[in-house]
Amino acid sequence: MGMISKALENRLIAQAKAGDGDAIAALIRSHQDALFAFILRMSQRPDVAEDIVQEAFVRVLKNIDRFDERFRFSTWLFTIARRLYVNAAQKRRPAYDSDMVAASEGKAKTPAGLNSRCESLENARDVIDSALSCLSEQQREIILLFHQQNWPITEIANHLNMPEGTVKSHLHRARKRMRRTIEANRTMTRHVEEILG
């Protein structure tokens, strides 16, 4: 189940507040993929993303009666998840960093039978993830909310409690930095191919 209309979402929230389990399940289904993708790109670790998403939904369900319908449910949910992620990252910063190094060194080799299209998609994903990892956490979040979640600048500004001009500036600088990183990766790849080829 993908994203749902605002009217249906409001109806589900009202039913969830009244304790309707089906409405709660529908709300979770409609947002879990987008939230997982967002936290995964922020943390770059599936286990962390899974834990944060699960905890975010637990918090949302415990506090659903406090949700204010003037806001978008997704904004509320993403704000809760973001705070949980920031708190977890601050508590476990050294472990996250060393685990990231270990995870990148121990990547499994791709099976030889995969077609080149899958391989090039995987390579593109790696290049984007690499470029994202070069950004500050704030720039990475802005890029992901804007490009992956399609949030408008106004909503990102409200979510991060910063002026729209600052969000635009971060977005511009983040894109520029990502372009430089991607170009550097391409140059490095060509260089390695020349050496090995």
N, C-alpha and C. Protein backbone atom coordinates (compact mmCIF):
# COMPACT_ATOMS: atom_id res chain seq x y z
N MET A 1 0.84 -1.20 0.00
CA MET A 1 0.00 0.00 0.00
C MET A 1 0.88 1.24 0.00
N GLY A 2 0.73 2.11 -1.00
CA GLY A 2 1.55 3.31 -1.08
C GLY A 2 0.95 4.45 -0.28
N MET A 3 1.38 5.67 -0.61
CA MET A 3 0.85 6.84 0.07
C MET A 3 -0.64 6.96 -0.21
N ILE A 4 -1.38 7.50 0.78
CA ILE A 4 -2.83 7.59 0.66
C ILE A 4 -3.26 9.05 0.66
N SER A 5 -4.52 9.30 0.26
CA SER A 5 -5.01 10.68 0.20
C SER A 5 -5.14 11.24 1.62
N LYS A 6 -5.11 12.57 1.70
CA LYS A 6 -5.22 13.26 2.99
C LYS A 6 -6.56 12.93 3.66
N ALA A 7 -7.63 12.87 2.86
CA ALA A 7 -8.97 12.58 3.41
C ALA A 7 -9.01 11.18 4.03
N LEU A 8 -8.48 10.20 3.29
CA LEU A 8 -8.46 8.82 3.80
C LEU A 8 -7.56 8.74 5.02
N GLU A 9 -6.42 9.42 4.96
CA GLU A 9 -5.49 9.41 6.09
C GLU A 9 -6.16 9.98 7.34
N ASN A 10 -6.88 11.10 7.19
CA ASN A 10 -7.57 11.70 8.33
C ASN A 10 -8.61 10.75 8.91
N ARG A 11 -9.32 10.05 8.02
CA ARG A 11 -10.33 9.08 8.48
C ARG A 11 -9.65 7.94 9.26
N LEU A 12 -8.52 7.44 8.71
CA LEU A 12 -7.78 6.37 9.38
C LEU A 12 -7.24 6.83 10.74
N ILE A 13 -6.76 8.07 10.81
CA ILE A 13 -6.24 8.61 12.08
C ILE A 13 -7.37 8.68 13.11
N ALA A 14 -8.54 9.16 12.69
CA ALA A 14 -9.69 9.24 13.61
C ALA A 14 -10.06 7.84 14.11
N GLN A 15 -10.06 6.86 13.20
CA GLN A 15 -10.39 5.47 13.59
C GLN A 15 -9.30 4.90 14.49
N ALA A 16 -8.02 5.23 14.19
CA ALA A 16 -6.91 4.75 15.01
C ALA A 16 -7.00 5.32 16.41
N LYS A 17 -7.38 6.59 16.51
CA LYS A 17 -7.54 7.23 17.83
C LYS A 17 -8.62 6.54 18.63
N ALA A 18 -9.62 5.99 17.92
CA ALA A 18 -10.72 5.27 18.58
C ALA A 18 -10.35 3.81 18.87
N GLY A 19 -9.11 3.42 18.53
CA GLY A 19 -8.63 2.07 18.84
C GLY A 19 -8.83 1.03 17.75
N ASP A 20 -9.14 1.47 16.52
CA ASP A 20 -9.36 0.54 15.41
C ASP A 20 -8.02 -0.03 14.92
N GLY A 21 -7.80 -1.31 15.16
CA GLY A 21 -6.55 -1.98 14.79
C GLY A 21 -6.30 -2.00 13.29
N ASP A 22 -7.36 -2.16 12.48
CA ASP A 22 -7.21 -2.18 11.01
C ASP A 22 -6.74 -0.82 10.50
N ALA A 23 -7.27 0.25 11.10
CA ALA A 23 -6.88 1.61 10.70
C ALA A 23 -5.41 1.85 11.05
N ILE A 24 -5.01 1.38 12.21
CA ILE A 24 -3.61 1.52 12.63
C ILE A 24 -2.69 0.77 11.66
N ALA A 25 -3.07 -0.46 11.31
CA ALA A 25 -2.28 -1.27 10.37
C ALA A 25 -2.19 -0.58 9.01
N ALA A 26 -3.30 0.01 8.55
CA ALA A 26 -3.31 0.70 7.24
C ALA A 26 -2.40 1.92 7.27
N LEU A 27 -2.40 2.66 8.37
CA LEU A 27 -1.52 3.83 8.50
C LEU A 27 -0.05 3.40 8.44
N ILE A 28 0.27 2.33 9.16
CA ILE A 28 1.65 1.83 9.17
C ILE A 28 2.05 1.40 7.77
N ARG A 29 1.20 0.60 7.12
CA ARG A 29 1.52 0.10 5.77
C ARG A 29 1.74 1.25 4.78
N SER A 30 0.96 2.32 4.93
CA SER A 30 1.05 3.41 3.96
C SER A 30 2.32 4.24 4.11
N HIS A 31 3.00 4.14 5.26
CA HIS A 31 4.18 4.97 5.47
C HIS A 31 5.47 4.21 5.74
N GLN A 32 5.39 2.91 6.01
CA GLN A 32 6.59 2.21 6.47
C GLN A 32 7.70 2.14 5.42
N ASP A 33 7.36 1.94 4.15
CA ASP A 33 8.39 1.84 3.11
C ASP A 33 9.15 3.16 2.94
N ALA A 34 8.39 4.27 2.88
CA ALA A 34 9.02 5.58 2.71
C ALA A 34 9.88 5.93 3.92
N LEU A 35 9.38 5.62 5.11
CA LEU A 35 10.14 5.93 6.32
C LEU A 35 11.40 5.07 6.41
N PHE A 36 11.27 3.79 6.07
CA PHE A 36 12.44 2.91 6.10
C PHE A 36 13.50 3.39 5.10
N ALA A 37 13.07 3.74 3.88
CA ALA A 37 14.01 4.23 2.86
C ALA A 37 14.72 5.49 3.34
N PHE A 38 13.98 6.38 3.99
CA PHE A 38 14.55 7.63 4.49
C PHE A 38 15.60 7.36 5.58
N ILE A 39 15.24 6.56 6.58
CA ILE A 39 16.16 6.28 7.68
C ILE A 39 17.35 5.43 7.20
N LEU A 40 17.11 4.53 6.27
CA LEU A 40 18.20 3.72 5.71
C LEU A 40 19.24 4.62 5.04
N ARG A 41 18.78 5.58 4.26
CA ARG A 41 19.72 6.49 3.60
C ARG A 41 20.41 7.39 4.63
N MET A 42 19.71 7.75 5.70
CA MET A 42 20.33 8.58 6.75
C MET A 42 21.41 7.78 7.49
N SER A 43 21.07 6.56 7.88
CA SER A 43 21.96 5.76 8.72
C SER A 43 22.93 4.92 7.92
N GLN A 44 22.52 4.55 6.69
CA GLN A 44 23.27 3.64 5.82
C GLN A 44 23.44 2.26 6.45
N ARG A 45 22.50 1.90 7.33
CA ARG A 45 22.53 0.58 7.98
C ARG A 45 21.11 0.03 8.10
N PRO A 46 20.81 -1.09 7.41
CA PRO A 46 19.46 -1.66 7.45
C PRO A 46 18.99 -2.02 8.87
N ASP A 47 19.90 -2.55 9.71
CA ASP A 47 19.49 -2.93 11.06
C ASP A 47 19.09 -1.70 11.88
N VAL A 48 19.82 -0.62 11.73
CA VAL A 48 19.50 0.62 12.45
C VAL A 48 18.17 1.17 11.93
N ALA A 49 18.01 1.19 10.60
CA ALA A 49 16.77 1.71 10.01
C ALA A 49 15.56 0.91 10.49
N GLU A 50 15.71 -0.40 10.53
CA GLU A 50 14.61 -1.27 10.99
C GLU A 50 14.23 -0.95 12.44
N ASP A 51 15.24 -0.83 13.30
CA ASP A 51 14.99 -0.53 14.72
C ASP A 51 14.32 0.83 14.89
N ILE A 52 14.82 1.84 14.16
CA ILE A 52 14.28 3.20 14.30
C ILE A 52 12.83 3.25 13.80
N VAL A 53 12.57 2.62 12.66
CA VAL A 53 11.22 2.62 12.09
C VAL A 53 10.25 1.94 13.05
N GLN A 54 10.67 0.80 13.59
CA GLN A 54 9.83 0.07 14.54
C GLN A 54 9.53 0.92 15.77
N GLU A 55 10.58 1.53 16.32
CA GLU A 55 10.42 2.37 17.51
C GLU A 55 9.55 3.59 17.21
N ALA A 56 9.71 4.17 16.00
CA ALA A 56 8.90 5.34 15.62
C ALA A 56 7.42 4.98 15.60
N PHE A 57 7.09 3.82 15.02
CA PHE A 57 5.68 3.41 14.97
C PHE A 57 5.14 3.11 16.37
N VAL A 58 5.98 2.54 17.24
CA VAL A 58 5.55 2.29 18.63
C VAL A 58 5.20 3.63 19.29
N ARG A 59 6.10 4.63 19.12
CA ARG A 59 5.85 5.96 19.71
C ARG A 59 4.59 6.59 19.13
N VAL A 60 4.42 6.46 17.82
CA VAL A 60 3.24 7.04 17.16
C VAL A 60 1.96 6.40 17.71
N LEU A 61 1.96 5.07 17.83
CA LEU A 61 0.77 4.38 18.32
C LEU A 61 0.45 4.75 19.76
N LYS A 62 1.49 4.92 20.57
CA LYS A 62 1.27 5.30 21.98
C LYS A 62 0.72 6.72 22.10
N ASN A 63 1.05 7.55 21.10
CA ASN A 63 0.68 8.97 21.19
C ASN A 63 -0.29 9.42 20.10
N ILE A 64 -0.95 8.47 19.44
CA ILE A 64 -1.83 8.82 18.31
C ILE A 64 -2.92 9.81 18.73
N ASP A 65 -3.39 9.71 19.98
CA ASP A 65 -4.44 10.63 20.45
C ASP A 65 -3.93 12.07 20.56
N ARG A 66 -2.61 12.25 20.56
CA ARG A 66 -2.03 13.60 20.66
C ARG A 66 -1.73 14.20 19.29
N PHE A 67 -1.97 13.43 18.20
CA PHE A 67 -1.69 13.95 16.86
C PHE A 67 -2.64 15.10 16.53
N ASP A 68 -2.08 16.18 16.00
CA ASP A 68 -2.84 17.38 15.64
C ASP A 68 -3.11 17.34 14.13
N GLU A 69 -4.38 17.22 13.74
CA GLU A 69 -4.76 17.06 12.33
C GLU A 69 -4.40 18.25 11.43
N ARG A 70 -4.00 19.37 12.04
CA ARG A 70 -3.59 20.51 11.21
C ARG A 70 -2.30 20.20 10.45
N PHE A 71 -1.54 19.23 10.95
CA PHE A 71 -0.27 18.86 10.33
C PHE A 71 -0.43 17.59 9.50
N ARG A 72 0.54 17.34 8.64
CA ARG A 72 0.53 16.08 7.89
C ARG A 72 1.04 14.97 8.80
N PHE A 73 0.39 13.83 8.71
CA PHE A 73 0.80 12.69 9.53
C PHE A 73 2.24 12.30 9.22
N SER A 74 2.61 12.32 7.92
CA SER A 74 3.97 11.92 7.53
C SER A 74 5.02 12.84 8.16
N THR A 75 4.70 14.14 8.25
CA THR A 75 5.64 15.08 8.86
C THR A 75 5.85 14.74 10.33
N TRP A 76 4.76 14.44 11.01
CA TRP A 76 4.82 14.07 12.44
C TRP A 76 5.63 12.79 12.61
N LEU A 77 5.32 11.80 11.80
CA LEU A 77 6.01 10.50 11.85
C LEU A 77 7.50 10.65 11.56
N PHE A 78 7.84 11.38 10.50
CA PHE A 78 9.25 11.55 10.12
C PHE A 78 10.01 12.34 11.20
N THR A 79 9.33 13.30 11.83
CA THR A 79 9.97 14.08 12.90
C THR A 79 10.29 13.18 14.08
N ILE A 80 9.36 12.32 14.45
CA ILE A 80 9.59 11.37 15.55
C ILE A 80 10.74 10.44 15.20
N ALA A 81 10.73 9.88 13.99
CA ALA A 81 11.79 8.95 13.56
C ALA A 81 13.14 9.64 13.52
N ARG A 82 13.16 10.87 13.04
CA ARG A 82 14.42 11.61 12.96
C ARG A 82 15.00 11.84 14.35
N ARG A 83 14.15 12.22 15.30
CA ARG A 83 14.65 12.45 16.67
C ARG A 83 15.19 11.15 17.26
N LEU A 84 14.48 10.06 17.03
CA LEU A 84 14.94 8.75 17.53
C LEU A 84 16.29 8.41 16.91
N TYR A 85 16.43 8.66 15.61
CA TYR A 85 17.69 8.36 14.93
C TYR A 85 18.84 9.21 15.48
N VAL A 86 18.60 10.51 15.63
CA VAL A 86 19.64 11.42 16.14
C VAL A 86 20.06 10.99 17.55
N ASN A 87 19.08 10.67 18.40
CA ASN A 87 19.38 10.22 19.77
C ASN A 87 20.21 8.94 19.75
N ALA A 88 19.80 7.98 18.93
CA ALA A 88 20.52 6.70 18.85
C ALA A 88 21.93 6.90 18.30
N ALA A 89 22.07 7.75 17.30
CA ALA A 89 23.38 7.99 16.69
C ALA A 89 24.32 8.67 17.68
N GLN A 90 23.79 9.58 18.49
CA GLN A 90 24.63 10.26 19.48
C GLN A 90 25.09 9.29 20.56
N LYS A 91 24.21 8.40 20.98
CA LYS A 91 24.56 7.43 22.03
C LYS A 91 25.59 6.43 21.55
N ARG A 92 25.47 6.01 20.27
CA ARG A 92 26.31 4.92 19.78
C ARG A 92 27.26 5.34 18.67
N ARG A 93 27.64 6.60 18.62
CA ARG A 93 28.46 7.12 17.53
C ARG A 93 29.71 6.26 17.24
N PRO A 94 30.55 5.93 18.23
CA PRO A 94 31.76 5.15 17.90
C PRO A 94 31.42 3.79 17.30
N ALA A 95 30.41 3.11 17.85
CA ALA A 95 30.03 1.79 17.34
C ALA A 95 29.51 1.91 15.90
N TYR A 96 28.71 2.94 15.62
CA TYR A 96 28.18 3.12 14.28
C TYR A 96 29.31 3.29 13.28
N ASP A 97 30.29 4.14 13.63
CA ASP A 97 31.39 4.40 12.70
C ASP A 97 32.21 3.15 12.42
N SER A 98 32.57 2.40 13.47
CA SER A 98 33.40 1.20 13.25
C SER A 98 32.60 0.11 12.55
N ASP A 99 31.31 0.01 12.86
CA ASP A 99 30.46 -0.98 12.18
C ASP A 99 30.34 -0.65 10.70
N MET A 100 30.26 0.65 10.38
CA MET A 100 30.15 1.07 8.98
C MET A 100 31.39 0.64 8.20
N VAL A 101 32.57 0.82 8.79
CA VAL A 101 33.82 0.44 8.13
C VAL A 101 33.83 -1.07 7.91
N ALA A 102 33.47 -1.82 8.95
CA ALA A 102 33.45 -3.28 8.85
C ALA A 102 32.46 -3.74 7.80
N ALA A 103 31.30 -3.10 7.77
CA ALA A 103 30.26 -3.49 6.80
C ALA A 103 30.72 -3.21 5.38
N SER A 104 31.38 -2.07 5.16
CA SER A 104 31.81 -1.75 3.79
C SER A 104 32.95 -2.65 3.35
N GLU A 105 33.80 -3.08 4.29
CA GLU A 105 34.90 -3.98 3.93
C GLU A 105 34.40 -5.39 3.63
N GLY A 106 33.32 -5.79 4.31
CA GLY A 106 32.85 -7.16 4.18
C GLY A 106 31.67 -7.35 3.25
N LYS A 107 31.50 -6.46 2.27
CA LYS A 107 30.37 -6.59 1.34
C LYS A 107 30.47 -7.89 0.56
N ALA A 108 29.33 -8.55 0.46
CA ALA A 108 29.30 -9.83 -0.28
C ALA A 108 29.48 -9.56 -1.77
N LYS A 109 30.11 -10.47 -2.44
CA LYS A 109 30.32 -10.34 -3.89
C LYS A 109 29.00 -10.64 -4.62
N THR A 110 28.76 -9.90 -5.69
CA THR A 110 27.55 -10.09 -6.48
C THR A 110 27.65 -11.40 -7.26
N PRO A 111 26.59 -12.22 -7.25
CA PRO A 111 26.62 -13.46 -8.03
C PRO A 111 26.88 -13.17 -9.51
N ALA A 112 27.68 -14.03 -10.14
CA ALA A 112 28.10 -13.80 -11.53
C ALA A 112 26.92 -13.82 -12.51
N GLY A 113 25.83 -14.51 -12.15
CA GLY A 113 24.71 -14.66 -13.07
C GLY A 113 23.84 -13.43 -13.24
N LEU A 114 24.04 -12.40 -12.44
CA LEU A 114 23.18 -11.21 -12.58
C LEU A 114 23.44 -10.50 -13.90
N ASN A 115 22.37 -10.01 -14.49
CA ASN A 115 22.57 -9.32 -15.77
C ASN A 115 23.19 -7.94 -15.55
N SER A 116 23.72 -7.36 -16.61
CA SER A 116 24.46 -6.11 -16.50
C SER A 116 23.57 -4.94 -16.07
N ARG A 117 22.28 -5.02 -16.40
CA ARG A 117 21.36 -3.95 -15.99
C ARG A 117 21.27 -3.89 -14.47
N CYS A 118 21.12 -5.04 -13.82
CA CYS A 118 21.06 -5.09 -12.36
C CYS A 118 22.37 -4.58 -11.77
N GLU A 119 23.46 -4.97 -12.41
CA GLU A 119 24.79 -4.57 -11.93
C GLU A 119 24.97 -3.05 -12.04
N SER A 120 24.52 -2.48 -13.16
CA SER A 120 24.69 -1.03 -13.32
C SER A 120 23.77 -0.27 -12.37
N LEU A 121 22.58 -0.82 -12.08
CA LEU A 121 21.69 -0.19 -11.09
C LEU A 121 22.34 -0.22 -9.72
N GLU A 122 22.95 -1.34 -9.39
CA GLU A 122 23.64 -1.49 -8.10
C GLU A 122 24.81 -0.51 -8.02
N ASN A 123 25.56 -0.38 -9.13
CA ASN A 123 26.67 0.57 -9.17
C ASN A 123 26.18 2.00 -8.98
N ALA A 124 25.07 2.33 -9.64
CA ALA A 124 24.50 3.68 -9.51
C ALA A 124 24.09 3.94 -8.06
N ARG A 125 23.48 2.94 -7.44
CA ARG A 125 23.07 3.06 -6.04
C ARG A 125 24.29 3.27 -5.14
N ASP A 126 25.35 2.53 -5.40
CA ASP A 126 26.59 2.67 -4.63
C ASP A 126 27.18 4.06 -4.78
N VAL A 127 27.17 4.58 -6.01
CA VAL A 127 27.71 5.91 -6.27
C VAL A 127 26.90 6.97 -5.52
N ILE A 128 25.57 6.84 -5.56
CA ILE A 128 24.70 7.79 -4.86
C ILE A 128 24.91 7.69 -3.35
N ASP A 129 24.97 6.46 -2.83
CA ASP A 129 25.20 6.27 -1.39
C ASP A 129 26.54 6.86 -0.98
N SER A 130 27.54 6.67 -1.82
CA SER A 130 28.86 7.22 -1.55
C SER A 130 28.81 8.74 -1.52
N ALA A 131 28.11 9.33 -2.47
CA ALA A 131 27.97 10.79 -2.53
C ALA A 131 27.20 11.31 -1.33
N LEU A 132 26.15 10.58 -0.94
CA LEU A 132 25.36 10.99 0.24
C LEU A 132 26.20 10.94 1.51
N SER A 133 27.08 9.94 1.60
CA SER A 133 27.88 9.78 2.81
C SER A 133 28.89 10.91 2.98
N CYS A 134 29.17 11.66 1.92
CA CYS A 134 30.10 12.80 1.99
C CYS A 134 29.42 14.07 2.51
N LEU A 135 28.11 14.04 2.62
CA LEU A 135 27.37 15.22 3.08
C LEU A 135 27.30 15.25 4.60
N SER A 136 27.05 16.43 5.13
CA SER A 136 26.78 16.54 6.56
C SER A 136 25.42 15.87 6.79
N GLU A 137 25.13 15.51 8.02
CA GLU A 137 23.86 14.84 8.32
C GLU A 137 22.68 15.72 7.92
N GLN A 138 22.80 17.03 8.18
CA GLN A 138 21.71 17.95 7.85
C GLN A 138 21.49 18.04 6.34
N GLN A 139 22.59 18.16 5.58
CA GLN A 139 22.46 18.21 4.12
C GLN A 139 21.88 16.92 3.57
N ARG A 140 22.31 15.78 4.12
CA ARG A 140 21.81 14.48 3.67
C ARG A 140 20.30 14.40 3.91
N GLU A 141 19.86 14.86 5.08
CA GLU A 141 18.43 14.82 5.39
C GLU A 141 17.64 15.69 4.43
N ILE A 142 18.14 16.88 4.14
CA ILE A 142 17.44 17.80 3.23
C ILE A 142 17.35 17.19 1.83
N ILE A 143 18.45 16.64 1.34
CA ILE A 143 18.46 15.99 0.02
C ILE A 143 17.44 14.86 -0.03
N LEU A 144 17.42 14.02 1.01
CA LEU A 144 16.52 12.86 1.03
C LEU A 144 15.05 13.29 1.12
N LEU A 145 14.77 14.27 1.96
CA LEU A 145 13.38 14.73 2.08
C LEU A 145 12.91 15.35 0.77
N PHE A 146 13.79 16.10 0.11
CA PHE A 146 13.40 16.79 -1.12
C PHE A 146 13.30 15.84 -2.31
N HIS A 147 14.34 15.03 -2.52
CA HIS A 147 14.39 14.18 -3.72
C HIS A 147 13.74 12.81 -3.53
N GLN A 148 13.92 12.20 -2.38
CA GLN A 148 13.38 10.85 -2.17
C GLN A 148 11.92 10.90 -1.71
N GLN A 149 11.61 11.83 -0.79
CA GLN A 149 10.26 11.89 -0.24
C GLN A 149 9.38 12.95 -0.89
N ASN A 150 9.97 13.76 -1.80
CA ASN A 150 9.23 14.80 -2.53
C ASN A 150 8.57 15.84 -1.63
N TRP A 151 9.22 16.20 -0.54
CA TRP A 151 8.68 17.23 0.34
C TRP A 151 8.99 18.60 -0.26
N PRO A 152 8.04 19.53 -0.20
CA PRO A 152 8.33 20.89 -0.67
C PRO A 152 9.29 21.60 0.29
N ILE A 153 9.97 22.62 -0.20
CA ILE A 153 10.94 23.39 0.60
C ILE A 153 10.27 23.90 1.90
N THR A 154 9.04 24.42 1.78
CA THR A 154 8.33 24.97 2.94
C THR A 154 8.19 23.94 4.04
N GLU A 155 7.83 22.72 3.66
CA GLU A 155 7.63 21.67 4.65
C GLU A 155 8.96 21.24 5.29
N ILE A 156 10.01 21.18 4.48
CA ILE A 156 11.34 20.84 5.02
C ILE A 156 11.77 21.92 6.01
N ALA A 157 11.54 23.18 5.66
CA ALA A 157 11.91 24.30 6.53
C ALA A 157 11.18 24.20 7.87
N ASN A 158 9.88 23.89 7.82
CA ASN A 158 9.10 23.72 9.05
C ASN A 158 9.61 22.54 9.86
N HIS A 159 9.86 21.44 9.17
CA HIS A 159 10.32 20.20 9.81
C HIS A 159 11.65 20.41 10.54
N LEU A 160 12.56 21.15 9.90
CA LEU A 160 13.90 21.37 10.48
C LEU A 160 13.99 22.68 11.27
N ASN A 161 12.89 23.43 11.29
CA ASN A 161 12.83 24.69 12.03
C ASN A 161 13.93 25.66 11.57
N MET A 162 13.99 25.86 10.24
CA MET A 162 14.97 26.79 9.68
C MET A 162 14.33 27.57 8.54
N PRO A 163 14.87 28.75 8.21
CA PRO A 163 14.29 29.53 7.11
C PRO A 163 14.38 28.80 5.77
N GLU A 164 13.41 29.07 4.89
CA GLU A 164 13.38 28.43 3.57
C GLU A 164 14.66 28.71 2.79
N GLY A 165 15.17 29.93 2.90
CA GLY A 165 16.39 30.30 2.19
C GLY A 165 17.58 29.44 2.62
N THR A 166 17.62 29.11 3.91
CA THR A 166 18.70 28.26 4.43
C THR A 166 18.58 26.85 3.87
N VAL A 167 17.33 26.35 3.79
CA VAL A 167 17.10 25.01 3.22
C VAL A 167 17.55 24.99 1.77
N LYS A 168 17.17 26.03 1.01
CA LYS A 168 17.57 26.11 -0.41
C LYS A 168 19.10 26.15 -0.55
N SER A 169 19.73 26.90 0.34
CA SER A 169 21.19 27.01 0.32
C SER A 169 21.84 25.65 0.61
N HIS A 170 21.33 24.95 1.63
CA HIS A 170 21.85 23.61 1.96
C HIS A 170 21.65 22.66 0.77
N LEU A 171 20.48 22.75 0.15
CA LEU A 171 20.14 21.88 -0.98
C LEU A 171 21.12 22.14 -2.13
N HIS A 172 21.37 23.41 -2.43
CA HIS A 172 22.29 23.78 -3.51
C HIS A 172 23.70 23.27 -3.22
N ARG A 173 24.18 23.53 -2.00
CA ARG A 173 25.55 23.10 -1.64
C ARG A 173 25.67 21.58 -1.62
N ALA A 174 24.62 20.90 -1.14
CA ALA A 174 24.64 19.43 -1.07
C ALA A 174 24.69 18.83 -2.48
N ARG A 175 23.88 19.37 -3.39
CA ARG A 175 23.89 18.86 -4.78
C ARG A 175 25.26 19.07 -5.41
N LYS A 176 25.84 20.24 -5.17
CA LYS A 176 27.16 20.56 -5.73
C LYS A 176 28.21 19.58 -5.20
N ARG A 177 28.15 19.33 -3.90
CA ARG A 177 29.13 18.41 -3.29
C ARG A 177 28.95 16.99 -3.81
N MET A 178 27.68 16.57 -3.97
CA MET A 178 27.40 15.24 -4.50
C MET A 178 27.92 15.11 -5.93
N ARG A 179 27.71 16.15 -6.75
CA ARG A 179 28.20 16.14 -8.14
C ARG A 179 29.71 15.98 -8.18
N ARG A 180 30.41 16.74 -7.30
CA ARG A 180 31.87 16.65 -7.24
C ARG A 180 32.32 15.24 -6.85
N THR A 181 31.64 14.66 -5.85
CA THR A 181 31.98 13.31 -5.38
C THR A 181 31.75 12.28 -6.48
N ILE A 182 30.61 12.40 -7.17
CA ILE A 182 30.28 11.45 -8.26
C ILE A 182 31.30 11.57 -9.38
N GLU A 183 31.68 12.80 -9.72
CA GLU A 183 32.67 13.01 -10.78
C GLU A 183 34.02 12.45 -10.37
N ALA A 184 34.40 12.64 -9.11
CA ALA A 184 35.67 12.10 -8.61
C ALA A 184 35.66 10.58 -8.67
N ASN A 185 34.50 9.97 -8.33
CA ASN A 185 34.37 8.50 -8.41
C ASN A 185 34.52 8.01 -9.85
N ARG A 186 33.92 8.75 -10.79
CA ARG A 186 34.02 8.38 -12.21
C ARG A 186 35.47 8.44 -12.67
N THR A 187 36.15 9.52 -12.29
CA THR A 187 37.55 9.69 -12.67
C THR A 187 38.39 8.55 -12.10
N MET A 188 38.15 8.22 -10.83
CA MET A 188 38.88 7.14 -10.17
C MET A 188 38.61 5.81 -10.87
N THR A 189 37.34 5.55 -11.21
CA THR A 189 36.97 4.31 -11.90
C THR A 189 37.68 4.20 -13.23
N ARG A 190 37.70 5.31 -14.00
CA ARG A 190 38.39 5.30 -15.31
C ARG A 190 39.88 5.01 -15.12
N HIS A 191 40.46 5.63 -14.11
CA HIS A 191 41.89 5.46 -13.81
C HIS A 191 42.20 4.00 -13.48
N VAL A 192 41.36 3.41 -12.62
CA VAL A 192 41.55 2.00 -12.23
C VAL A 192 41.39 1.08 -13.44
N GLU A 193 40.38 1.39 -14.28
CA GLU A 193 40.17 0.56 -15.49
C GLU A 193 41.37 0.64 -16.43
N GLU A 194 41.97 1.83 -16.52
CA GLU A 194 43.15 2.00 -17.37
C GLU A 194 44.32 1.17 -16.83
N ILE A 195 44.47 1.17 -15.51
CA ILE A 195 45.56 0.43 -14.88
C ILE A 195 45.36 -1.07 -15.06
N LEU A 196 44.11 -1.51 -14.83
CA LEU A 196 43.82 -2.95 -14.88
C LEU A 196 43.61 -3.45 -16.31
N GLY A 197 43.15 -2.54 -17.19
CA GLY A 197 42.77 -2.93 -18.53
C GLY A 197 43.94 -3.10 -19.43
